[in-house]
Amino acid sequence: MLPICYQIRDESLLNLRKTSTQAVGINLLSVVAGTVIGTWVAVPPTQERQEILSIQPILIGVGIGELVGLILALVIIWFTRDEQKKT
């Protein structure tokens, strides 16, 4: 009985590790995308002088990226948990 419990525990830990790695990856990509969008809003490519007048648009972009990343990560965790319950 004990080896079966260890096998179930190991499979669960492996699934959790995969899910959390996906969630962290999505969150990282969202922050990078938010920073790029925020910087693009703060300093548009058509602007003649490339100077940042305010850091606020960059922070707003990063915040939006974080929120999108959180939502995507929660959706992925939710769907993978539902798939695990079906099997």
Protein backbone atom coordinates (compact mmCIF):
# COMPACT_ATOMS: atom_id res chain seq x y z
CA MET A 1 0.00 0.00 0.00
CA LEU A 2 2.81 2.39 0.85
CA PRO A 3 4.49 2.27 -2.63
CA ILE A 4 1.14 3.13 -4.23
CA CYS A 5 0.79 6.16 -1.95
CA TYR A 6 4.30 7.29 -2.87
CA GLN A 7 3.54 6.88 -6.57
CA ILE A 8 0.34 8.94 -6.28
CA ARG A 9 2.20 11.62 -4.31
CA ASP A 10 5.02 11.77 -6.86
CA GLU A 11 2.57 12.06 -9.77
CA SER A 12 0.70 14.83 -7.98
CA LEU A 13 3.90 16.74 -7.26
CA LEU A 14 5.02 16.38 -10.88
CA ASN A 15 1.67 17.70 -12.14
CA LEU A 16 1.81 20.62 -9.72
CA ARG A 17 5.36 21.44 -10.83
CA LYS A 18 4.33 21.46 -14.50
CA THR A 19 1.30 23.64 -13.79
CA SER A 20 3.22 26.13 -11.68
CA THR A 21 6.00 26.35 -14.27
CA GLN A 22 3.43 27.17 -16.95
CA ALA A 23 1.79 29.77 -14.71
CA VAL A 24 5.09 31.47 -13.89
CA GLY A 25 6.09 31.46 -17.56
CA ILE A 26 2.83 33.08 -18.62
CA ASN A 27 3.12 35.66 -15.86
CA LEU A 28 6.69 36.51 -16.91
CA LEU A 29 5.69 36.90 -20.55
CA SER A 30 2.77 39.11 -19.54
CA VAL A 31 5.02 41.39 -17.50
CA VAL A 32 7.47 41.68 -20.39
CA ALA A 33 4.63 42.42 -22.82
CA GLY A 34 3.16 44.97 -20.40
CA THR A 35 6.53 46.69 -20.04
CA VAL A 36 7.00 46.85 -23.81
CA ILE A 37 3.48 48.22 -24.33
CA GLY A 38 3.90 50.72 -21.50
CA THR A 39 7.23 51.92 -22.90
CA TRP A 40 5.72 52.19 -26.37
CA VAL A 41 2.88 54.33 -24.96
CA ALA A 42 5.32 56.48 -22.98
CA VAL A 43 7.70 56.98 -25.92
CA PRO A 44 5.86 56.38 -29.21
CA PRO A 45 8.05 55.38 -32.15
CA THR A 46 6.89 58.48 -34.06
CA GLN A 47 8.21 60.79 -31.34
CA GLU A 48 11.18 62.78 -32.56
CA ARG A 49 13.15 62.85 -29.32
CA GLN A 50 13.34 59.55 -27.48
CA GLU A 51 12.88 60.76 -23.92
CA ILE A 52 10.51 59.55 -21.27
CA LEU A 53 8.46 62.35 -19.80
CA SER A 54 6.60 60.21 -17.27
CA ILE A 55 7.02 56.73 -15.87
CA GLN A 56 3.28 56.40 -15.25
CA PRO A 57 2.40 54.77 -18.63
CA ILE A 58 5.14 52.19 -18.10
CA LEU A 59 3.78 51.34 -14.66
CA ILE A 60 0.24 51.11 -16.03
CA GLY A 61 1.46 48.76 -18.78
CA VAL A 62 3.25 46.55 -16.27
CA GLY A 63 0.16 46.52 -14.04
CA ILE A 64 -2.08 45.50 -16.92
CA GLY A 65 0.44 42.84 -17.92
CA GLU A 66 0.46 41.48 -14.36
CA LEU A 67 -3.34 41.29 -14.24
CA VAL A 68 -3.54 39.55 -17.61
CA GLY A 69 -0.80 37.14 -16.50
CA LEU A 70 -2.62 36.37 -13.27
CA ILE A 71 -5.87 35.65 -15.09
CA LEU A 72 -4.15 33.46 -17.70
CA ALA A 73 -2.25 31.56 -15.01
CA LEU A 74 -5.43 30.92 -13.02
CA VAL A 75 -7.26 29.73 -16.14
CA ILE A 76 -4.45 27.30 -16.98
CA ILE A 77 -4.34 25.97 -13.44
CA TRP A 78 -8.12 25.60 -13.43
CA PHE A 79 -8.22 23.71 -16.76
CA THR A 80 -5.34 21.40 -15.86
CA ARG A 81 -6.96 20.63 -12.53
CA ASP A 82 -10.21 19.73 -14.32
CA GLU A 83 -8.28 17.45 -16.70
CA GLN A 84 -6.59 15.76 -13.76
CA LYS A 85 -9.96 15.09 -12.10
CA LYS A 86 -11.29 13.44 -15.28
CA THR A 87 -8.43 10.93 -15.37
